């Protein structure tokens, strides 16, 4: 499965997903042009959690930089995509440790990103995208309800009771499926099963017709 796709200069987009890769696509040519395994300690930072969001933070004519957040991780990884030359390259820049797990990320002003965090007291912070040594985090908002901390989700991924990521959706309990029943996962599974039975029956009928004796 694939998560958020960030677009650069109406030609390239970058994605991350359940396979653990950061991928660069030329969507005008409809092909993948570069990729990087994020759990690699040699080429990346060895972050073994599933990447959940990627945003573009800086860009120019020959390159752009991206920030990636992960499920069940307090780390924010930065990478540079070099567009000059025939081969597009993805290089690691630096990694930052955030006070708690980021649930969402968005570009902010002055070369920073805004992060929605899981744990109090600061649920919304901005982070400098530059390397270590510069100002790192600045609180943007600390939310409470009636003097109590807000209960944030453990993850933005759908997981089973054991905490394992659910790769197959058995039932949709949120979002548009409630208003549009044709998007319900169970309805789609039922339709696929029905179509398989119908195709099998058509093949059997066709085979029986071909095997039946023909009149002279």
N, C-alpha and C. Protein backbone atom coordinates (compact mmCIF):
# COMPACT_ATOMS: atom_id res chain seq x y z
N UNK A 1 0.83 -1.19 0.00
CA UNK A 1 0.00 0.00 0.00
C UNK A 1 0.87 1.24 0.00
N UNK A 2 0.32 2.33 -0.50
CA UNK A 2 1.08 3.56 -0.66
C UNK A 2 0.40 4.69 0.10
N UNK A 3 1.24 5.58 0.66
CA UNK A 3 0.73 6.72 1.39
C UNK A 3 0.84 7.98 0.56
N UNK A 4 0.83 9.11 1.25
CA UNK A 4 0.81 10.41 0.62
C UNK A 4 1.89 10.56 -0.44
N UNK A 5 1.53 11.18 -1.57
CA UNK A 5 2.45 11.45 -2.66
C UNK A 5 2.68 12.95 -2.74
N UNK A 6 3.97 13.37 -2.71
CA UNK A 6 4.33 14.78 -2.84
C UNK A 6 4.77 15.03 -4.27
N UNK A 7 4.40 16.18 -4.82
CA UNK A 7 4.66 16.49 -6.23
C UNK A 7 5.67 17.61 -6.35
N UNK A 8 6.62 17.45 -7.28
CA UNK A 8 7.64 18.46 -7.54
C UNK A 8 7.60 18.88 -9.00
N UNK A 9 7.41 20.17 -9.23
CA UNK A 9 7.58 20.79 -10.56
C UNK A 9 6.74 20.13 -11.65
N UNK A 10 5.58 19.62 -11.30
CA UNK A 10 4.65 19.04 -12.27
C UNK A 10 5.27 17.94 -13.13
N UNK A 11 6.33 17.32 -12.64
CA UNK A 11 6.93 16.20 -13.37
C UNK A 11 7.24 15.02 -12.46
N UNK A 12 7.77 15.31 -11.27
CA UNK A 12 8.17 14.23 -10.37
C UNK A 12 7.26 14.19 -9.14
N UNK A 13 7.02 13.00 -8.66
CA UNK A 13 6.32 12.84 -7.39
C UNK A 13 7.09 11.81 -6.58
N UNK A 14 6.95 11.89 -5.28
CA UNK A 14 7.68 11.00 -4.39
C UNK A 14 6.70 10.36 -3.42
N UNK A 15 6.87 9.10 -3.15
CA UNK A 15 5.92 8.35 -2.33
C UNK A 15 6.65 7.49 -1.32
N UNK A 16 5.94 7.07 -0.29
CA UNK A 16 6.42 6.07 0.65
C UNK A 16 5.25 5.15 0.97
N UNK A 17 5.56 3.95 1.44
CA UNK A 17 4.47 3.01 1.68
C UNK A 17 4.88 1.80 2.48
N UNK A 18 4.02 0.81 2.45
CA UNK A 18 4.18 -0.38 3.29
C UNK A 18 5.37 -1.24 2.95
N UNK A 19 5.97 -1.05 1.75
CA UNK A 19 7.15 -1.84 1.41
C UNK A 19 8.42 -1.24 2.00
N UNK A 20 8.31 -0.07 2.68
CA UNK A 20 9.46 0.53 3.32
C UNK A 20 10.36 1.33 2.41
N UNK A 21 9.93 1.59 1.18
CA UNK A 21 10.74 2.32 0.21
C UNK A 21 10.27 3.77 0.07
N UNK A 22 11.24 4.64 -0.19
CA UNK A 22 10.97 5.99 -0.65
C UNK A 22 11.21 5.97 -2.16
N UNK A 23 10.19 6.32 -2.94
CA UNK A 23 10.29 6.17 -4.39
C UNK A 23 10.02 7.50 -5.10
N UNK A 24 10.78 7.72 -6.17
CA UNK A 24 10.62 8.90 -7.01
C UNK A 24 10.04 8.43 -8.34
N UNK A 25 8.99 9.14 -8.79
CA UNK A 25 8.30 8.77 -10.02
C UNK A 25 8.30 9.94 -11.00
N UNK A 26 8.50 9.63 -12.26
CA UNK A 26 8.24 10.59 -13.33
C UNK A 26 6.82 10.32 -13.81
N UNK A 27 5.86 11.11 -13.29
CA UNK A 27 4.47 10.76 -13.59
C UNK A 27 4.05 11.17 -15.00
N UNK A 28 4.87 11.98 -15.68
CA UNK A 28 4.57 12.27 -17.08
C UNK A 28 4.97 11.10 -17.96
N UNK A 29 6.07 10.43 -17.59
CA UNK A 29 6.51 9.24 -18.33
C UNK A 29 5.89 7.97 -17.75
N UNK A 30 5.20 8.09 -16.60
CA UNK A 30 4.54 6.95 -15.95
C UNK A 30 5.53 5.84 -15.59
N UNK A 31 6.64 6.23 -14.90
CA UNK A 31 7.61 5.21 -14.52
C UNK A 31 8.34 5.64 -13.24
N UNK A 32 8.85 4.63 -12.53
CA UNK A 32 9.67 4.87 -11.35
C UNK A 32 11.10 5.18 -11.80
N UNK A 33 11.71 6.23 -11.23
CA UNK A 33 13.05 6.65 -11.67
C UNK A 33 14.11 6.51 -10.57
N UNK A 34 13.70 6.34 -9.32
CA UNK A 34 14.67 6.15 -8.23
C UNK A 34 13.94 5.62 -7.01
N UNK A 35 14.67 4.91 -6.14
CA UNK A 35 14.07 4.39 -4.91
C UNK A 35 15.16 4.20 -3.86
N UNK A 36 14.74 4.17 -2.61
CA UNK A 36 15.66 4.00 -1.50
C UNK A 36 14.95 3.22 -0.40
N UNK A 37 15.56 2.13 0.06
CA UNK A 37 15.01 1.35 1.16
C UNK A 37 15.33 2.08 2.46
N UNK A 38 14.31 2.53 3.17
CA UNK A 38 14.51 3.40 4.33
C UNK A 38 15.08 2.68 5.54
N UNK A 39 14.96 1.37 5.60
CA UNK A 39 15.52 0.64 6.74
C UNK A 39 16.99 0.28 6.53
N UNK A 40 17.54 0.67 5.39
CA UNK A 40 18.95 0.42 5.11
C UNK A 40 19.83 1.33 5.97
N UNK A 41 20.79 0.76 6.66
CA UNK A 41 21.70 1.55 7.49
C UNK A 41 22.82 2.18 6.67
N UNK A 42 23.06 1.64 5.48
CA UNK A 42 24.14 2.16 4.63
C UNK A 42 23.68 3.38 3.82
N UNK A 43 22.51 3.28 3.20
CA UNK A 43 22.05 4.35 2.31
C UNK A 43 21.07 5.29 3.00
N UNK A 44 20.37 4.80 4.03
CA UNK A 44 19.41 5.63 4.77
C UNK A 44 19.83 5.67 6.23
N UNK A 45 18.85 5.77 7.14
CA UNK A 45 19.17 5.89 8.57
C UNK A 45 18.80 4.65 9.37
N UNK A 46 18.40 3.59 8.67
CA UNK A 46 18.10 2.34 9.35
C UNK A 46 16.79 2.34 10.11
N UNK A 47 15.88 3.26 9.79
CA UNK A 47 14.59 3.31 10.47
C UNK A 47 13.72 2.16 9.97
N UNK A 48 13.39 1.21 10.84
CA UNK A 48 12.72 -0.01 10.42
C UNK A 48 11.20 0.08 10.50
N UNK A 49 10.66 1.18 10.99
CA UNK A 49 9.20 1.35 11.05
C UNK A 49 8.65 1.67 9.66
N UNK A 50 7.34 1.51 9.51
CA UNK A 50 6.70 1.79 8.23
C UNK A 50 6.61 3.31 8.02
N UNK A 51 7.11 3.84 6.90
CA UNK A 51 6.96 5.27 6.62
C UNK A 51 5.50 5.61 6.33
N UNK A 52 5.01 6.69 6.91
CA UNK A 52 3.59 7.02 6.77
C UNK A 52 3.32 8.31 6.01
N UNK A 53 4.26 9.26 6.02
CA UNK A 53 4.03 10.53 5.33
C UNK A 53 5.35 11.06 4.78
N UNK A 54 5.29 11.72 3.63
CA UNK A 54 6.45 12.37 3.06
C UNK A 54 6.02 13.73 2.51
N UNK A 55 6.82 14.77 2.74
CA UNK A 55 6.53 16.11 2.22
C UNK A 55 7.81 16.70 1.65
N UNK A 56 7.66 17.57 0.67
CA UNK A 56 8.78 18.31 0.11
C UNK A 56 9.01 19.55 0.96
N UNK A 57 10.26 19.78 1.37
CA UNK A 57 10.56 20.90 2.27
C UNK A 57 11.37 22.00 1.61
N UNK A 58 12.23 21.65 0.67
CA UNK A 58 13.04 22.64 -0.06
C UNK A 58 13.19 22.15 -1.49
N UNK A 59 13.25 23.08 -2.44
CA UNK A 59 13.40 22.67 -3.83
C UNK A 59 14.01 23.79 -4.66
N UNK A 60 14.74 23.38 -5.71
CA UNK A 60 15.26 24.31 -6.70
C UNK A 60 15.24 23.60 -8.05
N UNK A 61 15.97 24.12 -9.03
CA UNK A 61 15.89 23.56 -10.38
C UNK A 61 16.57 22.20 -10.50
N UNK A 62 17.55 21.93 -9.65
CA UNK A 62 18.33 20.70 -9.81
C UNK A 62 18.11 19.67 -8.70
N UNK A 63 17.37 20.03 -7.65
CA UNK A 63 17.17 19.09 -6.55
C UNK A 63 16.00 19.53 -5.68
N UNK A 64 15.55 18.62 -4.84
CA UNK A 64 14.58 18.98 -3.79
C UNK A 64 14.78 18.05 -2.60
N UNK A 65 14.42 18.54 -1.44
CA UNK A 65 14.58 17.78 -0.20
C UNK A 65 13.22 17.38 0.34
N UNK A 66 13.17 16.23 1.00
CA UNK A 66 11.92 15.73 1.56
C UNK A 66 12.12 15.31 3.01
N UNK A 67 11.04 15.33 3.76
CA UNK A 67 11.03 14.85 5.15
C UNK A 67 10.05 13.69 5.25
N UNK A 68 10.44 12.66 6.01
CA UNK A 68 9.62 11.45 6.13
C UNK A 68 9.38 11.16 7.60
N UNK A 69 8.13 10.85 7.97
CA UNK A 69 7.82 10.37 9.31
C UNK A 69 7.40 8.91 9.24
N UNK A 70 7.43 8.23 10.40
CA UNK A 70 7.23 6.79 10.44
C UNK A 70 6.22 6.41 11.53
N UNK A 71 5.63 5.24 11.36
CA UNK A 71 4.74 4.70 12.38
C UNK A 71 5.56 4.21 13.57
N UNK A 72 5.08 4.53 14.78
CA UNK A 72 5.72 4.06 16.01
C UNK A 72 7.20 4.44 16.06
N UNK A 73 7.50 5.68 15.68
CA UNK A 73 8.89 6.16 15.70
C UNK A 73 8.91 7.65 16.01
N UNK A 74 9.92 8.08 16.75
CA UNK A 74 10.06 9.49 17.10
C UNK A 74 11.06 10.20 16.18
N UNK A 75 11.44 9.53 15.09
CA UNK A 75 12.46 10.10 14.23
C UNK A 75 11.86 10.73 12.97
N UNK A 76 12.51 11.82 12.55
CA UNK A 76 12.15 12.54 11.33
C UNK A 76 13.37 12.48 10.42
N UNK A 77 13.24 11.83 9.26
CA UNK A 77 14.36 11.62 8.35
C UNK A 77 14.28 12.58 7.16
N UNK A 78 15.42 13.15 6.80
CA UNK A 78 15.49 14.08 5.67
C UNK A 78 16.35 13.49 4.56
N UNK A 79 15.89 13.66 3.31
CA UNK A 79 16.60 13.15 2.14
C UNK A 79 16.63 14.20 1.04
N UNK A 80 17.62 14.08 0.18
CA UNK A 80 17.76 14.99 -0.96
C UNK A 80 17.66 14.20 -2.25
N UNK A 81 16.84 14.69 -3.18
CA UNK A 81 16.70 14.05 -4.48
C UNK A 81 17.39 14.94 -5.49
N UNK A 82 18.45 14.41 -6.10
CA UNK A 82 19.23 15.17 -7.08
C UNK A 82 18.73 14.84 -8.48
N UNK A 83 18.36 15.90 -9.22
CA UNK A 83 17.77 15.74 -10.55
C UNK A 83 18.76 16.00 -11.66
N UNK A 84 19.92 16.57 -11.36
CA UNK A 84 20.90 16.87 -12.39
C UNK A 84 21.56 15.59 -12.88
N UNK A 85 21.87 15.54 -14.17
CA UNK A 85 22.46 14.34 -14.74
C UNK A 85 21.41 13.37 -15.24
N UNK A 86 21.87 12.29 -15.84
CA UNK A 86 20.95 11.30 -16.42
C UNK A 86 20.31 10.42 -15.36
N UNK A 87 21.03 10.19 -14.25
CA UNK A 87 20.53 9.30 -13.19
C UNK A 87 20.06 10.14 -12.01
N UNK A 88 18.82 9.95 -11.58
CA UNK A 88 18.28 10.64 -10.41
C UNK A 88 18.71 9.88 -9.16
N UNK A 89 19.26 10.60 -8.19
CA UNK A 89 19.80 9.98 -6.99
C UNK A 89 19.05 10.45 -5.75
N UNK A 90 18.89 9.53 -4.80
CA UNK A 90 18.29 9.84 -3.50
C UNK A 90 19.39 9.69 -2.44
N UNK A 91 19.70 10.78 -1.75
CA UNK A 91 20.76 10.76 -0.74
C UNK A 91 20.21 11.15 0.63
N UNK A 92 20.74 10.53 1.67
CA UNK A 92 20.31 10.89 3.02
C UNK A 92 20.99 12.20 3.44
N UNK A 93 20.26 13.01 4.18
CA UNK A 93 20.79 14.27 4.69
C UNK A 93 21.07 14.18 6.18
N UNK A 94 20.00 14.15 6.99
CA UNK A 94 20.16 14.06 8.44
C UNK A 94 18.87 13.56 9.07
N UNK A 95 18.95 13.24 10.34
CA UNK A 95 17.81 12.69 11.08
C UNK A 95 17.63 13.48 12.37
N UNK A 96 16.37 13.74 12.73
CA UNK A 96 16.08 14.45 13.98
C UNK A 96 15.21 13.56 14.88
N UNK A 97 15.44 13.66 16.17
CA UNK A 97 14.57 12.98 17.14
C UNK A 97 13.55 13.97 17.65
N UNK A 98 12.27 13.60 17.58
CA UNK A 98 11.16 14.46 17.96
C UNK A 98 10.68 14.04 19.36
N UNK A 99 10.12 14.95 20.17
CA UNK A 99 9.69 14.60 21.53
C UNK A 99 8.75 13.40 21.60
N UNK A 100 7.86 13.23 20.62
CA UNK A 100 6.98 12.06 20.58
C UNK A 100 6.66 11.73 19.14
N UNK A 101 5.98 10.62 18.93
CA UNK A 101 5.73 10.14 17.57
C UNK A 101 4.92 11.14 16.75
N UNK A 102 5.41 11.56 15.57
CA UNK A 102 4.62 12.42 14.69
C UNK A 102 3.51 11.62 14.01
N UNK A 103 2.30 12.16 14.03
CA UNK A 103 1.17 11.52 13.35
C UNK A 103 0.90 12.14 11.99
N UNK A 104 1.33 13.40 11.82
CA UNK A 104 1.13 14.09 10.55
C UNK A 104 2.22 15.12 10.38
N UNK A 105 2.48 15.49 9.11
CA UNK A 105 3.52 16.46 8.80
C UNK A 105 3.05 17.30 7.63
N UNK A 106 3.46 18.59 7.63
CA UNK A 106 3.10 19.50 6.54
C UNK A 106 4.19 20.55 6.41
N UNK A 107 4.42 21.06 5.19
CA UNK A 107 5.40 22.15 5.04
C UNK A 107 4.96 23.37 5.85
N UNK A 108 5.95 24.04 6.46
CA UNK A 108 5.69 25.24 7.25
C UNK A 108 6.49 26.37 6.64
N UNK A 109 6.48 27.53 7.25
CA UNK A 109 7.19 28.68 6.69
C UNK A 109 8.66 28.69 7.09
N UNK A 110 9.45 29.47 6.33
CA UNK A 110 10.88 29.67 6.61
C UNK A 110 11.66 28.36 6.64
N UNK A 111 11.35 27.46 5.71
CA UNK A 111 12.10 26.22 5.61
C UNK A 111 11.89 25.25 6.75
N UNK A 112 10.73 25.29 7.38
CA UNK A 112 10.42 24.40 8.50
C UNK A 112 9.24 23.51 8.13
N UNK A 113 9.00 22.50 8.95
CA UNK A 113 7.83 21.65 8.81
C UNK A 113 7.01 21.71 10.09
N UNK A 114 5.70 21.54 9.95
CA UNK A 114 4.81 21.47 11.11
C UNK A 114 4.49 20.01 11.37
N UNK A 115 4.53 19.61 12.65
CA UNK A 115 4.30 18.22 13.04
C UNK A 115 3.18 18.13 14.06
N UNK A 116 2.26 17.20 13.83
CA UNK A 116 1.24 16.87 14.82
C UNK A 116 1.74 15.67 15.61
N UNK A 117 1.92 15.86 16.93
CA UNK A 117 2.53 14.82 17.75
C UNK A 117 1.49 14.04 18.55
N UNK A 118 1.91 12.85 18.97
CA UNK A 118 0.99 11.95 19.67
C UNK A 118 0.83 12.31 21.15
N UNK A 119 1.91 12.74 21.80
CA UNK A 119 1.89 12.91 23.26
C UNK A 119 1.97 14.38 23.67
N UNK A 120 1.38 14.71 24.84
CA UNK A 120 1.44 16.07 25.37
C UNK A 120 2.86 16.37 25.88
N UNK A 121 3.19 17.65 26.20
CA UNK A 121 2.23 18.76 26.25
C UNK A 121 2.06 19.49 24.92
N UNK A 122 3.06 19.43 24.05
CA UNK A 122 2.98 20.17 22.78
C UNK A 122 2.54 19.23 21.67
N UNK A 123 1.29 19.37 21.24
CA UNK A 123 0.78 18.49 20.20
C UNK A 123 1.16 18.97 18.80
N UNK A 124 1.40 20.26 18.67
CA UNK A 124 1.73 20.83 17.36
C UNK A 124 3.02 21.62 17.49
N UNK A 125 4.05 21.20 16.74
CA UNK A 125 5.35 21.86 16.80
C UNK A 125 5.85 22.13 15.39
N UNK A 126 6.76 23.09 15.26
CA UNK A 126 7.46 23.29 14.00
C UNK A 126 8.90 22.87 14.20
N UNK A 127 9.48 22.32 13.15
CA UNK A 127 10.84 21.78 13.23
C UNK A 127 11.67 22.35 12.10
N UNK A 128 12.90 22.76 12.43
CA UNK A 128 13.84 23.26 11.44
C UNK A 128 14.32 22.09 10.58
N UNK A 129 14.38 22.31 9.28
CA UNK A 129 14.81 21.26 8.36
C UNK A 129 16.32 21.25 8.14
N UNK A 130 17.02 22.21 8.75
CA UNK A 130 18.46 22.27 8.58
C UNK A 130 19.12 21.20 9.45
N UNK A 131 20.42 21.06 9.27
CA UNK A 131 21.15 20.04 10.01
C UNK A 131 21.27 20.42 11.48
N UNK A 132 21.81 19.48 12.26
CA UNK A 132 21.97 19.68 13.69
C UNK A 132 22.76 20.96 13.98
N UNK A 133 22.46 21.59 15.09
CA UNK A 133 23.13 22.81 15.48
C UNK A 133 22.24 24.02 15.37
N UNK A 134 21.16 23.91 14.58
CA UNK A 134 20.22 25.01 14.46
C UNK A 134 19.04 24.77 15.40
N UNK A 135 18.18 25.76 15.51
CA UNK A 135 16.98 25.63 16.34
C UNK A 135 16.17 24.45 15.83
N UNK A 136 15.77 23.54 16.72
CA UNK A 136 15.12 22.32 16.26
C UNK A 136 13.60 22.38 16.34
N UNK A 137 13.03 22.45 17.53
CA UNK A 137 11.57 22.43 17.65
C UNK A 137 11.06 23.69 18.34
N UNK A 138 9.92 24.16 17.84
CA UNK A 138 9.23 25.29 18.45
C UNK A 138 7.78 24.91 18.61
N UNK A 139 7.24 25.10 19.81
CA UNK A 139 5.85 24.74 20.06
C UNK A 139 4.92 25.71 19.33
N UNK A 140 3.93 25.16 18.63
CA UNK A 140 2.93 25.97 17.96
C UNK A 140 1.61 25.98 18.72
N UNK A 141 1.29 24.88 19.38
CA UNK A 141 0.03 24.79 20.12
C UNK A 141 0.08 23.63 21.10
N UNK A 142 -0.51 23.84 22.28
CA UNK A 142 -0.67 22.79 23.28
C UNK A 142 -2.15 22.73 23.62
N UNK A 143 -2.81 21.67 23.19
CA UNK A 143 -4.26 21.57 23.32
C UNK A 143 -4.66 20.79 24.57
N UNK A 144 -5.72 21.22 25.21
CA UNK A 144 -6.33 20.48 26.31
C UNK A 144 -7.84 20.61 26.20
N UNK A 145 -8.54 19.69 26.80
CA UNK A 145 -10.00 19.73 26.85
C UNK A 145 -10.41 19.64 28.31
N UNK A 146 -10.92 20.75 28.84
CA UNK A 146 -11.33 20.78 30.24
C UNK A 146 -10.19 20.52 31.19
N UNK A 147 -8.99 20.99 30.83
CA UNK A 147 -7.83 20.78 31.69
C UNK A 147 -7.18 19.42 31.53
N UNK A 148 -7.72 18.57 30.68
CA UNK A 148 -7.17 17.23 30.45
C UNK A 148 -6.50 17.17 29.08
N UNK A 149 -5.47 16.34 28.99
CA UNK A 149 -4.79 16.17 27.72
C UNK A 149 -5.69 15.46 26.71
N UNK A 150 -5.50 15.78 25.46
CA UNK A 150 -6.27 15.14 24.40
C UNK A 150 -5.74 13.73 24.17
N UNK A 151 -6.65 12.79 23.99
CA UNK A 151 -6.25 11.41 23.70
C UNK A 151 -6.04 11.26 22.20
N UNK A 152 -4.81 11.10 21.82
CA UNK A 152 -4.45 10.97 20.40
C UNK A 152 -4.37 9.50 20.02
N UNK A 153 -4.53 9.17 18.74
CA UNK A 153 -4.42 7.77 18.31
C UNK A 153 -2.99 7.26 18.43
N UNK A 154 -2.85 5.96 18.62
CA UNK A 154 -1.53 5.35 18.70
C UNK A 154 -0.84 5.33 17.34
N UNK A 155 -1.65 5.28 16.28
CA UNK A 155 -1.09 5.15 14.94
C UNK A 155 -2.12 5.64 13.93
N UNK A 156 -1.65 6.03 12.75
CA UNK A 156 -2.58 6.36 11.67
C UNK A 156 -2.85 5.15 10.78
N UNK A 157 -2.17 4.03 11.07
CA UNK A 157 -2.38 2.79 10.33
C UNK A 157 -3.47 1.97 10.98
N UNK A 158 -4.16 1.19 10.19
CA UNK A 158 -5.18 0.30 10.73
C UNK A 158 -4.51 -0.98 11.21
N UNK A 159 -4.69 -1.33 12.49
CA UNK A 159 -4.03 -2.49 13.06
C UNK A 159 -5.06 -3.41 13.71
N UNK A 160 -4.67 -4.69 13.86
CA UNK A 160 -5.56 -5.64 14.50
C UNK A 160 -5.37 -5.57 16.02
N UNK A 161 -6.03 -6.47 16.74
CA UNK A 161 -5.99 -6.45 18.20
C UNK A 161 -4.59 -6.71 18.76
N UNK A 162 -3.74 -7.35 17.96
CA UNK A 162 -2.38 -7.65 18.41
C UNK A 162 -1.42 -6.51 18.09
N UNK A 163 -1.91 -5.46 17.46
CA UNK A 163 -1.07 -4.34 17.10
C UNK A 163 -0.34 -4.51 15.79
N UNK A 164 -0.72 -5.53 15.02
CA UNK A 164 -0.09 -5.79 13.72
C UNK A 164 -0.87 -5.06 12.64
N UNK A 165 -0.15 -4.44 11.71
CA UNK A 165 -0.79 -3.69 10.63
C UNK A 165 -1.68 -4.60 9.81
N UNK A 166 -2.93 -4.18 9.62
CA UNK A 166 -3.89 -4.96 8.84
C UNK A 166 -3.68 -4.68 7.36
N UNK A 167 -3.15 -5.67 6.66
CA UNK A 167 -2.89 -5.49 5.23
C UNK A 167 -4.15 -5.69 4.40
N UNK A 168 -5.16 -6.37 4.95
CA UNK A 168 -6.41 -6.60 4.25
C UNK A 168 -7.53 -5.98 5.07
N UNK A 169 -8.31 -5.12 4.44
CA UNK A 169 -9.42 -4.47 5.13
C UNK A 169 -10.66 -5.36 5.02
N UNK A 170 -11.12 -5.86 6.17
CA UNK A 170 -12.29 -6.73 6.19
C UNK A 170 -13.58 -5.95 6.30
N UNK A 171 -13.51 -4.78 6.89
CA UNK A 171 -14.72 -3.99 7.06
C UNK A 171 -14.35 -2.52 7.19
N UNK A 172 -15.08 -1.66 6.53
CA UNK A 172 -14.84 -0.23 6.61
C UNK A 172 -15.83 0.39 7.58
N UNK A 173 -15.32 0.93 8.67
CA UNK A 173 -16.18 1.53 9.69
C UNK A 173 -16.06 3.04 9.74
N UNK A 174 -15.20 3.60 8.87
CA UNK A 174 -15.01 5.05 8.87
C UNK A 174 -15.13 5.59 7.46
N UNK A 175 -15.38 6.88 7.37
CA UNK A 175 -15.29 7.57 6.10
C UNK A 175 -16.44 7.33 5.15
N UNK A 176 -16.18 7.48 3.83
CA UNK A 176 -17.26 7.51 2.83
C UNK A 176 -18.01 6.21 2.64
N UNK A 177 -17.44 5.09 3.10
CA UNK A 177 -18.15 3.81 2.92
C UNK A 177 -19.48 3.81 3.66
N UNK A 178 -19.60 4.63 4.71
CA UNK A 178 -20.86 4.66 5.44
C UNK A 178 -21.95 5.35 4.62
N UNK A 179 -21.54 6.32 3.79
CA UNK A 179 -22.51 7.01 2.95
C UNK A 179 -22.60 6.38 1.56
N UNK A 180 -21.54 5.68 1.14
CA UNK A 180 -21.51 5.04 -0.17
C UNK A 180 -21.25 3.56 0.01
N UNK A 181 -22.30 2.76 0.18
CA UNK A 181 -22.12 1.33 0.51
C UNK A 181 -21.38 0.55 -0.56
N UNK A 182 -21.29 1.05 -1.80
CA UNK A 182 -20.56 0.31 -2.83
C UNK A 182 -19.05 0.32 -2.56
N UNK A 183 -18.58 1.16 -1.61
CA UNK A 183 -17.17 1.18 -1.24
C UNK A 183 -16.87 0.24 -0.07
N UNK A 184 -17.90 -0.40 0.48
CA UNK A 184 -17.69 -1.27 1.62
C UNK A 184 -16.87 -2.49 1.20
N UNK A 185 -15.85 -2.84 2.01
CA UNK A 185 -14.94 -3.94 1.67
C UNK A 185 -15.66 -5.27 1.57
N UNK A 186 -16.62 -5.53 2.47
CA UNK A 186 -17.35 -6.81 2.43
C UNK A 186 -18.18 -6.92 1.17
N UNK A 187 -18.77 -5.80 0.73
CA UNK A 187 -19.57 -5.82 -0.49
C UNK A 187 -18.70 -6.15 -1.70
N UNK A 188 -17.48 -5.60 -1.72
CA UNK A 188 -16.57 -5.87 -2.83
C UNK A 188 -16.12 -7.33 -2.83
N UNK A 189 -15.84 -7.88 -1.64
CA UNK A 189 -15.45 -9.29 -1.55
C UNK A 189 -16.56 -10.20 -2.04
N UNK A 190 -17.79 -9.87 -1.64
CA UNK A 190 -18.94 -10.66 -2.09
C UNK A 190 -19.09 -10.62 -3.59
N UNK A 191 -18.88 -9.42 -4.18
CA UNK A 191 -19.00 -9.27 -5.63
C UNK A 191 -17.92 -10.07 -6.35
N UNK A 192 -16.69 -10.05 -5.82
CA UNK A 192 -15.62 -10.82 -6.45
C UNK A 192 -15.91 -12.32 -6.41
N UNK A 193 -16.41 -12.81 -5.27
CA UNK A 193 -16.76 -14.24 -5.16
C UNK A 193 -17.86 -14.60 -6.13
N UNK A 194 -18.87 -13.75 -6.24
CA UNK A 194 -19.97 -14.01 -7.16
C UNK A 194 -19.50 -14.04 -8.61
N UNK A 195 -18.60 -13.12 -8.96
CA UNK A 195 -18.07 -13.10 -10.33
C UNK A 195 -17.23 -14.33 -10.63
N UNK A 196 -16.47 -14.81 -9.65
CA UNK A 196 -15.68 -16.03 -9.85
C UNK A 196 -16.58 -17.23 -10.12
N UNK A 197 -17.67 -17.35 -9.34
CA UNK A 197 -18.61 -18.46 -9.55
C UNK A 197 -19.25 -18.38 -10.93
N UNK A 198 -19.61 -17.16 -11.34
CA UNK A 198 -20.25 -16.99 -12.64
C UNK A 198 -19.28 -17.34 -13.78
N UNK A 199 -18.03 -16.92 -13.65
CA UNK A 199 -17.04 -17.23 -14.69
C UNK A 199 -16.79 -18.74 -14.76
N UNK A 200 -16.74 -19.39 -13.60
CA UNK A 200 -16.52 -20.83 -13.58
C UNK A 200 -17.68 -21.57 -14.23
N UNK A 201 -18.90 -21.09 -13.95
CA UNK A 201 -20.07 -21.74 -14.55
C UNK A 201 -20.10 -21.55 -16.06
N UNK A 202 -19.71 -20.37 -16.54
CA UNK A 202 -19.69 -20.14 -17.98
C UNK A 202 -18.67 -21.04 -18.67
N UNK A 203 -17.50 -21.22 -18.02
CA UNK A 203 -16.48 -22.09 -18.60
C UNK A 203 -16.96 -23.54 -18.66
N UNK A 204 -17.66 -24.00 -17.60
CA UNK A 204 -18.18 -25.37 -17.59
C UNK A 204 -19.23 -25.56 -18.67
N UNK A 205 -20.11 -24.58 -18.84
CA UNK A 205 -21.15 -24.68 -19.88
C UNK A 205 -20.52 -24.71 -21.27
N UNK A 206 -19.48 -23.90 -21.45
CA UNK A 206 -18.81 -23.85 -22.75
C UNK A 206 -18.11 -25.16 -23.05
N UNK A 207 -17.50 -25.78 -22.02
CA UNK A 207 -16.81 -27.05 -22.20
C UNK A 207 -17.82 -28.16 -22.49
N UNK A 208 -18.96 -28.15 -21.81
CA UNK A 208 -19.99 -29.16 -22.06
C UNK A 208 -20.53 -29.06 -23.47
N UNK A 209 -20.70 -27.83 -23.97
CA UNK A 209 -21.20 -27.64 -25.33
C UNK A 209 -20.20 -28.15 -26.36
N UNK A 210 -18.90 -27.93 -26.07
CA UNK A 210 -17.87 -28.39 -27.02
C UNK A 210 -17.72 -29.91 -27.00
N UNK A 211 -18.03 -30.55 -25.84
CA UNK A 211 -17.90 -32.00 -25.73
C UNK A 211 -19.14 -32.74 -26.23
N UNK A 212 -20.25 -32.07 -26.35
CA UNK A 212 -21.50 -32.74 -26.78
C UNK A 212 -21.42 -33.10 -28.25
N UNK A 213 -21.99 -34.30 -28.66
CA UNK A 213 -21.93 -34.72 -30.07
C UNK A 213 -22.72 -33.78 -30.96
N UNK A 214 -22.18 -33.59 -32.15
CA UNK A 214 -22.83 -32.70 -33.11
C UNK A 214 -23.68 -33.53 -34.09
N UNK A 215 -24.81 -32.96 -34.48
CA UNK A 215 -25.68 -33.63 -35.45
C UNK A 215 -25.06 -33.55 -36.84
N UNK A 216 -25.16 -34.68 -37.59
CA UNK A 216 -24.64 -34.69 -38.96
C UNK A 216 -25.55 -33.89 -39.87
